[in-house]
């Protein structure tokens, strides 16, 4: 194994395991999943993550992330 290799981190997103690069933030996860930050509500380990904190909230192994996509309509 390459000595510079860093194992990915596994988090649980809406019940499914997702591998992310070590050091990833919630914003990085949203990009990886193809979701825009603007219309997604995020909870990390049952705590809401403010939109302003998405880029600075890091992910740790086994974090439980719940994503809810906001839908406009009337």
PDB file of N, CA and C in Angstrom:
ATOM      1  N   UNK A   1       0.856  -1.177   0.000  1.00  0.00           N
ATOM      2  CA  UNK A   1       0.000   0.000   0.000  1.00  0.00           C
ATOM      3  C   UNK A   1       0.898   1.236   0.000  1.00  0.00           C
ATOM      4  N   UNK A   2       0.528   2.246  -0.751  1.00  0.00           N
ATOM      5  CA  UNK A   2       1.249   3.514  -0.843  1.00  0.00           C
ATOM      6  C   UNK A   2       1.278   4.182   0.529  1.00  0.00           C
ATOM      7  N   UNK A   3       2.469   4.588   1.018  1.00  0.00           N
ATOM      8  CA  UNK A   3       2.529   5.214   2.343  1.00  0.00           C
ATOM      9  C   UNK A   3       1.769   6.534   2.417  1.00  0.00           C
ATOM     10  N   UNK A   4       1.498   7.176   1.288  1.00  0.00           N
ATOM     11  CA  UNK A   4       0.731   8.416   1.280  1.00  0.00           C
ATOM     12  C   UNK A   4      -0.771   8.193   1.165  1.00  0.00           C
ATOM     13  N   UNK A   5      -1.174   6.923   1.072  1.00  0.00           N
ATOM     14  CA  UNK A   5      -2.592   6.591   0.914  1.00  0.00           C
ATOM     15  C   UNK A   5      -3.370   6.903   2.183  1.00  0.00           C
ATOM     16  N   UNK A   6      -4.492   7.576   2.026  1.00  0.00           N
ATOM     17  CA  UNK A   6      -5.391   7.847   3.146  1.00  0.00           C
ATOM     18  C   UNK A   6      -6.712   7.154   2.836  1.00  0.00           C
ATOM     19  N   UNK A   7      -7.126   6.279   3.722  1.00  0.00           N
ATOM     20  CA  UNK A   7      -8.354   5.509   3.494  1.00  0.00           C
ATOM     21  C   UNK A   7      -9.561   6.443   3.472  1.00  0.00           C
ATOM     22  N   UNK A   8     -10.532   6.131   2.610  1.00  0.00           N
ATOM     23  CA  UNK A   8     -11.750   6.947   2.602  1.00  0.00           C
ATOM     24  C   UNK A   8     -12.524   6.781   3.902  1.00  0.00           C
ATOM     25  N   UNK A   9     -13.382   7.732   4.152  1.00  0.00           N
ATOM     26  CA  UNK A   9     -14.243   7.721   5.325  1.00  0.00           C
ATOM     27  C   UNK A   9     -15.620   7.231   4.878  1.00  0.00           C
ATOM     28  N   UNK A  10     -16.238   6.372   5.666  1.00  0.00           N
ATOM     29  CA  UNK A  10     -17.583   5.890   5.362  1.00  0.00           C
ATOM     30  C   UNK A  10     -18.566   6.612   6.283  1.00  0.00           C
ATOM     31  N   UNK A  11     -19.545   7.280   5.665  1.00  0.00           N
ATOM     32  CA  UNK A  11     -20.622   7.923   6.406  1.00  0.00           C
ATOM     33  C   UNK A  11     -21.935   7.304   5.944  1.00  0.00           C
ATOM     34  N   UNK A  12     -22.978   7.478   6.723  1.00  0.00           N
ATOM     35  CA  UNK A  12     -24.294   6.945   6.367  1.00  0.00           C
ATOM     36  C   UNK A  12     -25.175   8.126   5.980  1.00  0.00           C
ATOM     37  N   UNK A  13     -25.622   8.118   4.722  1.00  0.00           N
ATOM     38  CA  UNK A  13     -26.436   9.210   4.185  1.00  0.00           C
ATOM     39  C   UNK A  13     -27.824   8.668   3.880  1.00  0.00           C
ATOM     40  N   UNK A  14     -28.810   9.151   4.610  1.00  0.00           N
ATOM     41  CA  UNK A  14     -30.193   8.689   4.438  1.00  0.00           C
ATOM     42  C   UNK A  14     -30.274   7.165   4.433  1.00  0.00           C
ATOM     43  N   UNK A  15     -29.485   6.548   5.321  1.00  0.00           N
ATOM     44  CA  UNK A  15     -29.530   5.097   5.480  1.00  0.00           C
ATOM     45  C   UNK A  15     -28.580   4.309   4.603  1.00  0.00           C
ATOM     46  N   UNK A  16     -27.878   4.945   3.674  1.00  0.00           N
ATOM     47  CA  UNK A  16     -26.957   4.247   2.768  1.00  0.00           C
ATOM     48  C   UNK A  16     -25.520   4.643   3.071  1.00  0.00           C
ATOM     49  N   UNK A  17     -24.609   3.656   3.049  1.00  0.00           N
ATOM     50  CA  UNK A  17     -23.199   3.957   3.250  1.00  0.00           C
ATOM     51  C   UNK A  17     -22.637   4.669   2.027  1.00  0.00           C
ATOM     52  N   UNK A  18     -21.874   5.720   2.278  1.00  0.00           N
ATOM     53  CA  UNK A  18     -21.226   6.491   1.214  1.00  0.00           C
ATOM     54  C   UNK A  18     -19.773   6.699   1.627  1.00  0.00           C
ATOM     55  N   UNK A  19     -18.864   6.461   0.691  1.00  0.00           N
ATOM     56  CA  UNK A  19     -17.440   6.689   0.945  1.00  0.00           C
ATOM     57  C   UNK A  19     -17.083   8.092   0.469  1.00  0.00           C
ATOM     58  N   UNK A  20     -16.396   8.824   1.331  1.00  0.00           N
ATOM     59  CA  UNK A  20     -15.915  10.159   0.980  1.00  0.00           C
ATOM     60  C   UNK A  20     -14.426  10.224   1.288  1.00  0.00           C
ATOM     61  N   UNK A  21     -13.752  11.137   0.650  1.00  0.00           N
ATOM     62  CA  UNK A  21     -12.338  11.327   0.889  1.00  0.00           C
ATOM     63  C   UNK A  21     -12.119  11.826   2.321  1.00  0.00           C
ATOM     64  N   UNK A  22     -11.087  11.319   2.971  1.00  0.00           N
ATOM     65  CA  UNK A  22     -10.765  11.794   4.324  1.00  0.00           C
ATOM     66  C   UNK A  22     -10.589  13.303   4.293  1.00  0.00           C
ATOM     67  N   UNK A  23     -11.109  13.980   5.295  1.00  0.00           N
ATOM     68  CA  UNK A  23     -11.016  15.436   5.360  1.00  0.00           C
ATOM     69  C   UNK A  23     -12.146  16.159   4.647  1.00  0.00           C
ATOM     70  N   UNK A  24     -13.118  15.405   4.131  1.00  0.00           N
ATOM     71  CA  UNK A  24     -14.245  16.012   3.410  1.00  0.00           C
ATOM     72  C   UNK A  24     -15.174  16.749   4.362  1.00  0.00           C
ATOM     73  N   UNK A  25     -15.805  17.779   3.822  1.00  0.00           N
ATOM     74  CA  UNK A  25     -16.814  18.536   4.563  1.00  0.00           C
ATOM     75  C   UNK A  25     -18.196  18.118   4.073  1.00  0.00           C
ATOM     76  N   UNK A  26     -19.215  18.621   4.744  1.00  0.00           N
ATOM     77  CA  UNK A  26     -20.586  18.366   4.290  1.00  0.00           C
ATOM     78  C   UNK A  26     -20.770  18.943   2.885  1.00  0.00           C
ATOM     79  N   UNK A  27     -20.208  20.111   2.615  1.00  0.00           N
ATOM     80  CA  UNK A  27     -20.313  20.705   1.272  1.00  0.00           C
ATOM     81  C   UNK A  27     -19.677  19.787   0.227  1.00  0.00           C
ATOM     82  N   UNK A  28     -18.533  19.182   0.546  1.00  0.00           N
ATOM     83  CA  UNK A  28     -17.890  18.238  -0.379  1.00  0.00           C
ATOM     84  C   UNK A  28     -18.805  17.044  -0.648  1.00  0.00           C
ATOM     85  N   UNK A  29     -19.469  16.555   0.387  1.00  0.00           N
ATOM     86  CA  UNK A  29     -20.406  15.437   0.227  1.00  0.00           C
ATOM     87  C   UNK A  29     -21.537  15.814  -0.716  1.00  0.00           C
ATOM     88  N   UNK A  30     -22.100  17.000  -0.537  1.00  0.00           N
ATOM     89  CA  UNK A  30     -23.196  17.440  -1.409  1.00  0.00           C
ATOM     90  C   UNK A  30     -22.746  17.511  -2.855  1.00  0.00           C
ATOM     91  N   UNK A  31     -21.526  18.003  -3.073  1.00  0.00           N
ATOM     92  CA  UNK A  31     -20.981  18.061  -4.439  1.00  0.00           C
ATOM     93  C   UNK A  31     -20.813  16.645  -4.989  1.00  0.00           C
ATOM     94  N   UNK A  32     -20.263  15.747  -4.179  1.00  0.00           N
ATOM     95  CA  UNK A  32     -20.063  14.362  -4.604  1.00  0.00           C
ATOM     96  C   UNK A  32     -21.387  13.711  -4.997  1.00  0.00           C
ATOM     97  N   UNK A  33     -22.450  14.039  -4.272  1.00  0.00           N
ATOM     98  CA  UNK A  33     -23.765  13.445  -4.544  1.00  0.00           C
ATOM     99  C   UNK A  33     -24.524  14.178  -5.646  1.00  0.00           C
ATOM    100  N   UNK A  34     -23.957  15.275  -6.142  1.00  0.00           N
ATOM    101  CA  UNK A  34     -24.609  16.027  -7.217  1.00  0.00           C
ATOM    102  C   UNK A  34     -25.776  16.873  -6.736  1.00  0.00           C
ATOM    103  N   UNK A  35     -25.760  17.249  -5.461  1.00  0.00           N
ATOM    104  CA  UNK A  35     -26.832  18.070  -4.897  1.00  0.00           C
ATOM    105  C   UNK A  35     -26.321  19.487  -4.687  1.00  0.00           C
ATOM    106  N   UNK A  36     -27.146  20.460  -4.994  1.00  0.00           N
ATOM    107  CA  UNK A  36     -26.766  21.838  -4.741  1.00  0.00           C
ATOM    108  C   UNK A  36     -27.012  22.188  -3.287  1.00  0.00           C
ATOM    109  N   UNK A  37     -26.099  22.960  -2.699  1.00  0.00           N
ATOM    110  CA  UNK A  37     -26.247  23.360  -1.301  1.00  0.00           C
ATOM    111  C   UNK A  37     -27.503  24.188  -1.074  1.00  0.00           C
ATOM    112  N   UNK A  38     -27.908  24.937  -2.081  1.00  0.00           N
ATOM    113  CA  UNK A  38     -28.979  25.906  -1.913  1.00  0.00           C
ATOM    114  C   UNK A  38     -30.318  25.274  -1.520  1.00  0.00           C
ATOM    115  N   UNK A  39     -30.602  24.092  -2.000  1.00  0.00           N
ATOM    116  CA  UNK A  39     -31.924  23.507  -1.793  1.00  0.00           C
ATOM    117  C   UNK A  39     -31.906  22.249  -0.939  1.00  0.00           C
ATOM    118  N   UNK A  40     -30.863  22.058  -0.146  1.00  0.00           N
ATOM    119  CA  UNK A  40     -30.761  20.856   0.673  1.00  0.00           C
ATOM    120  C   UNK A  40     -30.651  21.241   2.150  1.00  0.00           C
ATOM    121  N   UNK A  41     -31.480  20.617   2.965  1.00  0.00           N
ATOM    122  CA  UNK A  41     -31.389  20.769   4.413  1.00  0.00           C
ATOM    123  C   UNK A  41     -30.585  19.582   4.931  1.00  0.00           C
ATOM    124  N   UNK A  42     -29.664  19.841   5.861  1.00  0.00           N
ATOM    125  CA  UNK A  42     -28.731  18.811   6.312  1.00  0.00           C
ATOM    126  C   UNK A  42     -28.778  18.669   7.827  1.00  0.00           C
ATOM    127  N   UNK A  43     -28.807  17.408   8.282  1.00  0.00           N
ATOM    128  CA  UNK A  43     -28.594  17.082   9.688  1.00  0.00           C
ATOM    129  C   UNK A  43     -27.388  16.164   9.756  1.00  0.00           C
ATOM    130  N   UNK A  44     -26.503  16.431  10.710  1.00  0.00           N
ATOM    131  CA  UNK A  44     -25.348  15.560  10.959  1.00  0.00           C
ATOM    132  C   UNK A  44     -25.498  15.041  12.382  1.00  0.00           C
ATOM    133  N   UNK A  45     -25.639  13.741  12.503  1.00  0.00           N
ATOM    134  CA  UNK A  45     -25.823  13.099  13.817  1.00  0.00           C
ATOM    135  C   UNK A  45     -26.965  13.750  14.597  1.00  0.00           C
ATOM    136  N   UNK A  46     -28.086  13.941  13.916  1.00  0.00           N
ATOM    137  CA  UNK A  46     -29.337  14.470  14.467  1.00  0.00           C
ATOM    138  C   UNK A  46     -29.264  15.947  14.867  1.00  0.00           C
ATOM    139  N   UNK A  47     -28.212  16.647  14.443  1.00  0.00           N
ATOM    140  CA  UNK A  47     -28.091  18.080  14.695  1.00  0.00           C
ATOM    141  C   UNK A  47     -28.131  18.828  13.367  1.00  0.00           C
ATOM    142  N   UNK A  48     -28.953  19.867  13.240  1.00  0.00           N
ATOM    143  CA  UNK A  48     -28.997  20.618  11.990  1.00  0.00           C
ATOM    144  C   UNK A  48     -27.656  21.294  11.706  1.00  0.00           C
ATOM    145  N   UNK A  49     -27.311  21.347  10.439  1.00  0.00           N
ATOM    146  CA  UNK A  49     -26.106  22.051  10.000  1.00  0.00           C
ATOM    147  C   UNK A  49     -26.557  23.304   9.253  1.00  0.00           C
ATOM    148  N   UNK A  50     -26.144  24.461   9.768  1.00  0.00           N
ATOM    149  CA  UNK A  50     -26.514  25.716   9.115  1.00  0.00           C
ATOM    150  C   UNK A  50     -25.855  25.796   7.737  1.00  0.00           C
ATOM    151  N   UNK A  51     -26.561  26.367   6.792  1.00  0.00           N
ATOM    152  CA  UNK A  51     -26.042  26.506   5.434  1.00  0.00           C
ATOM    153  C   UNK A  51     -24.667  27.181   5.451  1.00  0.00           C
ATOM    154  N   UNK A  52     -24.488  28.181   6.314  1.00  0.00           N
ATOM    155  CA  UNK A  52     -23.217  28.900   6.393  1.00  0.00           C
ATOM    156  C   UNK A  52     -22.078  27.999   6.892  1.00  0.00           C
ATOM    157  N   UNK A  53     -22.411  26.872   7.524  1.00  0.00           N
ATOM    158  CA  UNK A  53     -21.399  25.983   8.096  1.00  0.00           C
ATOM    159  C   UNK A  53     -21.123  24.736   7.259  1.00  0.00           C
ATOM    160  N   UNK A  54     -21.760  24.583   6.108  1.00  0.00           N
ATOM    161  CA  UNK A  54     -21.601  23.364   5.315  1.00  0.00           C
ATOM    162  C   UNK A  54     -20.149  23.116   4.916  1.00  0.00           C
ATOM    163  N   UNK A  55     -19.437  24.159   4.519  1.00  0.00           N
ATOM    164  CA  UNK A  55     -18.057  23.992   4.056  1.00  0.00           C
ATOM    165  C   UNK A  55     -17.074  23.765   5.192  1.00  0.00           C
ATOM    166  N   UNK A  56     -17.448  24.128   6.416  1.00  0.00           N
ATOM    167  CA  UNK A  56     -16.523  23.997   7.546  1.00  0.00           C
ATOM    168  C   UNK A  56     -16.898  22.859   8.488  1.00  0.00           C
ATOM    169  N   UNK A  57     -17.991  22.159   8.194  1.00  0.00           N
ATOM    170  CA  UNK A  57     -18.403  21.016   9.024  1.00  0.00           C
ATOM    171  C   UNK A  57     -17.804  19.756   8.427  1.00  0.00           C
ATOM    172  N   UNK A  58     -16.816  19.204   9.134  1.00  0.00           N
ATOM    173  CA  UNK A  58     -16.134  18.008   8.648  1.00  0.00           C
ATOM    174  C   UNK A  58     -16.939  16.746   8.878  1.00  0.00           C
ATOM    175  N   UNK A  59     -16.589  15.729   8.116  1.00  0.00           N
ATOM    176  CA  UNK A  59     -17.230  14.419   8.239  1.00  0.00           C
ATOM    177  C   UNK A  59     -16.272  13.453   8.924  1.00  0.00           C
ATOM    178  N   UNK A  60     -16.809  12.648   9.820  1.00  0.00           N
ATOM    179  CA  UNK A  60     -16.030  11.646  10.543  1.00  0.00           C
ATOM    180  C   UNK A  60     -16.613  10.269  10.252  1.00  0.00           C
ATOM    181  N   UNK A  61     -15.807   9.216  10.429  1.00  0.00           N
ATOM    182  CA  UNK A  61     -16.321   7.868  10.186  1.00  0.00           C
ATOM    183  C   UNK A  61     -17.618   7.618  10.958  1.00  0.00           C
ATOM    184  N   UNK A  62     -18.559   7.012  10.266  1.00  0.00           N
ATOM    185  CA  UNK A  62     -19.864   6.616  10.807  1.00  0.00           C
ATOM    186  C   UNK A  62     -20.790   7.773  11.140  1.00  0.00           C
ATOM    187  N   UNK A  63     -20.463   8.991  10.708  1.00  0.00           N
ATOM    188  CA  UNK A  63     -21.426  10.083  10.852  1.00  0.00           C
ATOM    189  C   UNK A  63     -22.717   9.679  10.168  1.00  0.00           C
ATOM    190  N   UNK A  64     -23.835  10.096  10.737  1.00  0.00           N
ATOM    191  CA  UNK A  64     -25.152   9.846  10.143  1.00  0.00           C
ATOM    192  C   UNK A  64     -25.661  11.168   9.600  1.00  0.00           C
ATOM    193  N   UNK A  65     -25.801  11.215   8.301  1.00  0.00           N
ATOM    194  CA  UNK A  65     -26.220  12.423   7.602  1.00  0.00           C
ATOM    195  C   UNK A  65     -27.627  12.196   7.054  1.00  0.00           C
ATOM    196  N   UNK A  66     -28.495  13.127   7.330  1.00  0.00           N
ATOM    197  CA  UNK A  66     -29.838  13.109   6.752  1.00  0.00           C
ATOM    198  C   UNK A  66     -29.965  14.322   5.837  1.00  0.00           C
ATOM    199  N   UNK A  67     -30.345  14.076   4.601  1.00  0.00           N
ATOM    200  CA  UNK A  67     -30.514  15.135   3.619  1.00  0.00           C
ATOM    201  C   UNK A  67     -31.978  15.205   3.207  1.00  0.00           C
ATOM    202  N   UNK A  68     -32.503  16.400   3.209  1.00  0.00           N
ATOM    203  CA  UNK A  68     -33.869  16.634   2.750  1.00  0.00           C
ATOM    204  C   UNK A  68     -33.800  17.693   1.680  1.00  0.00           C
ATOM    205  N   UNK A  69     -34.293  17.351   0.530  1.00  0.00           N
ATOM    206  CA  UNK A  69     -34.287  18.294  -0.581  1.00  0.00           C
ATOM    207  C   UNK A  69     -35.541  19.141  -0.518  1.00  0.00           C
ATOM    208  N   UNK A  70     -35.357  20.456  -0.447  1.00  0.00           N
ATOM    209  CA  UNK A  70     -36.497  21.382  -0.417  1.00  0.00           C
ATOM    210  C   UNK A  70     -37.145  21.411  -1.791  1.00  0.00           C
ATOM    211  N   UNK A  71     -38.456  21.412  -1.812  1.00  0.00           N
ATOM    212  CA  UNK A  71     -39.216  21.421  -3.062  1.00  0.00           C
ATOM    213  C   UNK A  71     -40.128  22.623  -3.056  1.00  0.00           C
ATOM    214  N   UNK A  72     -40.041  23.389  -4.143  1.00  0.00           N
ATOM    215  CA  UNK A  72     -40.928  24.553  -4.277  1.00  0.00           C
ATOM    216  C   UNK A  72     -42.222  24.121  -4.965  1.00  0.00           C
ATOM    217  N   UNK A  73     -43.264  24.781  -4.646  1.00  0.00           N
ATOM    218  CA  UNK A  73     -44.538  24.454  -5.290  1.00  0.00           C
ATOM    219  C   UNK A  73     -45.677  25.097  -4.537  1.00  0.00           C
ATOM    220  N   UNK A  74     -46.831  24.906  -5.066  1.00  0.00           N
ATOM    221  CA  UNK A  74     -47.936  25.539  -4.365  1.00  0.00           C
ATOM    222  C   UNK A  74     -49.241  24.877  -4.652  1.00  0.00           C
TER     223      UNK A  74
END
